C-alpha atoms as a PDB file:
ATOM      1  CA  MET A   1      85.978 106.091  86.154  1.00  0.00           C
ATOM      2  CA  LYS A   2      85.643 104.386  89.513  1.00  0.00           C
ATOM      3  CA  ALA A   3      87.966 101.851  91.076  1.00  0.00           C
ATOM      4  CA  LYS A   4      86.788  98.285  91.559  1.00  0.00           C
ATOM      5  CA  TYR A   5      87.165  96.839  95.059  1.00  0.00           C
ATOM      6  CA  ILE A   6      89.026  93.504  94.946  1.00  0.00           C
ATOM      7  CA  GLY A   7      89.447  92.561  98.601  1.00  0.00           C
ATOM      8  CA  CYS A   8      91.442  93.218 101.732  1.00  0.00           C
ATOM      9  CA  THR A   9      94.273  91.813 103.807  1.00  0.00           C
ATOM     10  CA  LYS A  10      94.902  92.483 107.480  1.00  0.00           C
ATOM     11  CA  ASP A  11      98.222  93.088 109.159  1.00  0.00           C
ATOM     12  CA  GLY A  12      97.184  91.898 112.592  1.00  0.00           C
ATOM     13  CA  TRP A  13      94.739  94.338 114.127  1.00  0.00           C
ATOM     14  CA  GLN A  14      96.765  97.443 113.304  1.00  0.00           C
ATOM     15  CA  HIS A  15      96.291  97.868 109.563  1.00  0.00           C
ATOM     16  CA  THR A  16      93.892  96.792 106.854  1.00  0.00           C
ATOM     17  CA  GLU A  17      95.097  96.939 103.258  1.00  0.00           C
ATOM     18  CA  LEU A  18      92.303  97.540 100.775  1.00  0.00           C
ATOM     19  CA  HIS A  19      92.998  96.266  97.247  1.00  0.00           C
ATOM     20  CA  TYR A  20      91.516  98.001  94.201  1.00  0.00           C
ATOM     21  CA  GLU A  21      91.740  97.850  90.429  1.00  0.00           C
ATOM     22  CA  TYR A  22      91.628 101.041  88.398  1.00  0.00           C
ATOM     23  CA  ARG A  23      91.983 101.198  84.607  1.00  0.00           C
ATOM     24  CA  GLY A  24      93.546  97.730  84.567  1.00  0.00           C
ATOM     25  CA  HIS A  25      96.105  98.468  87.310  1.00  0.00           C
ATOM     26  CA  HIS A  26      96.133  97.207  90.889  1.00  0.00           C
ATOM     27  CA  TYR A  27      96.701  99.504  93.861  1.00  0.00           C
ATOM     28  CA  ILE A  28      96.501  99.255  97.639  1.00  0.00           C
ATOM     29  CA  ILE A  29      95.409 101.804 100.219  1.00  0.00           C
ATOM     30  CA  THR A  30      95.927 101.361 103.946  1.00  0.00           C
ATOM     31  CA  LYS A  31      93.361 101.859 106.689  1.00  0.00           C
ATOM     32  CA  HIS A  32      95.053 102.260 110.052  1.00  0.00           C
ATOM     33  CA  ASN A  33      93.109 100.698 112.916  1.00  0.00           C
ATOM     34  CA  ASN A  34      95.553 101.733 115.643  1.00  0.00           C
ATOM     35  CA  GLY A  35      94.846 105.469 115.739  1.00  0.00           C
ATOM     36  CA  TYR A  36      97.746 106.367 113.439  1.00  0.00           C
ATOM     37  CA  LEU A  37      96.844 109.490 111.512  1.00  0.00           C
ATOM     38  CA  ASP A  38      97.955 109.361 107.917  1.00  0.00           C
ATOM     39  CA  LYS A  39      96.381 110.432 104.661  1.00  0.00           C
ATOM     40  CA  SER A  40      92.648 109.874 104.481  1.00  0.00           C
ATOM     41  CA  LEU A  41      91.317 106.960 102.448  1.00  0.00           C
ATOM     42  CA  LYS A  42      89.911 109.448  99.935  1.00  0.00           C
ATOM     43  CA  GLN A  43      93.282 111.162  99.566  1.00  0.00           C
ATOM     44  CA  GLN A  44      95.057 107.810  99.129  1.00  0.00           C
ATOM     45  CA  HIS A  45      92.544 106.864  96.389  1.00  0.00           C
ATOM     46  CA  GLN A  46      93.055 110.193  94.614  1.00  0.00           C
ATOM     47  CA  GLU A  47      96.851 109.934  94.706  1.00  0.00           C
ATOM     48  CA  GLU A  48      96.936 106.325  93.493  1.00  0.00           C
ATOM     49  CA  GLN A  49      94.462 106.989  90.692  1.00  0.00           C
ATOM     50  CA  ALA A  50      96.415 110.080  89.613  1.00  0.00           C
ATOM     51  CA  ARG A  51      99.605 107.972  89.609  1.00  0.00           C
ATOM     52  CA  ILE A  52      97.916 105.349  87.413  1.00  0.00           C
ATOM     53  CA  ASP A  53      96.501 108.011  85.063  1.00  0.00           C
ATOM     54  CA  ASP A  54     100.013 109.461  84.696  1.00  0.00           C
ATOM     55  CA  LEU A  55     101.487 105.992  84.125  1.00  0.00           C
ATOM     56  CA  ILE A  56      98.957 105.274  81.371  1.00  0.00           C
ATOM     57  CA  GLU A  57      99.438 108.716  79.806  1.00  0.00           C
ATOM     58  CA  HIS A  58     103.199 108.173  79.501  1.00  0.00           C
ATOM     59  CA  GLU A  59     103.347 104.438  78.824  1.00  0.00           C
ATOM     60  CA  ASN A  60     104.298 104.953  75.153  1.00  0.00           C
ATOM     61  CA  ASP A  61     106.916 107.617  75.790  1.00  0.00           C
ATOM     62  CA  PRO A  62     110.379 106.662  74.541  1.00  0.00           C
ATOM     63  CA  ILE A  63     112.821 105.450  77.174  1.00  0.00           C
ATOM     64  CA  PRO A  64     115.536 108.087  77.639  1.00  0.00           C
ATOM     65  CA  GLU A  65     119.165 107.140  77.094  1.00  0.00           C
ATOM     66  CA  TRP A  66     121.018 106.244  80.280  1.00  0.00           C
ATOM     67  CA  GLU A  67     123.622 108.790  81.345  1.00  0.00           C
ATOM     68  CA  TYR A  68     126.436 108.171  83.775  1.00  0.00           C
ATOM     69  CA  GLU A  69     126.594 111.768  85.005  1.00  0.00           C
ATOM     70  CA  GLY A  70     124.174 112.240  87.873  1.00  0.00           C
ATOM     71  CA  SER A  71     123.386 108.533  88.112  1.00  0.00           C
ATOM     72  CA  ALA A  72     123.429 106.311  91.184  1.00  0.00           C
ATOM     73  CA  GLN A  73     126.414 104.520  89.639  1.00  0.00           C
ATOM     74  CA  GLU A  74     128.377 107.761  89.573  1.00  0.00           C
ATOM     75  CA  GLY A  75     127.455 108.384  93.206  1.00  0.00           C
ATOM     76  CA  PHE A  76     128.606 104.901  94.182  1.00  0.00           C
ATOM     77  CA  ASP A  77     131.853 105.313  92.246  1.00  0.00           C
ATOM     78  CA  LEU A  78     132.581 108.625  93.989  1.00  0.00           C
ATOM     79  CA  PHE A  79     131.865 107.040  97.361  1.00  0.00           C
ATOM     80  CA  TRP A  80     134.082 104.045  96.554  1.00  0.00           C
ATOM     81  CA  GLU A  81     136.948 106.325  95.492  1.00  0.00           C
ATOM     82  CA  TYR A  82     136.594 108.219  98.779  1.00  0.00           C
ATOM     83  CA  VAL A  83     136.635 104.993 100.819  1.00  0.00           C
ATOM     84  CA  ASN A  84     139.739 103.700  99.049  1.00  0.00           C
ATOM     85  CA  GLN A  85     141.783 106.886  99.510  1.00  0.00           C
END
């Protein structure tokens, strides 16, 4: 399935953001006009479409139970304990 081009926005002269729709999801790839070497447009398309395919494939998966151990909250709590010592 191919992506549908929606339009573009420009960030001054340096960057052009190209907007696409793929399988009902919107994504943006960036074309750098200032010589910055990043991922090619083709590679950006492939990565975004793979991300959307994965999102769709797992959209009905059950949400896992939240666990304190290993969470950002635990990390913050450990940091806060260290600061208050």
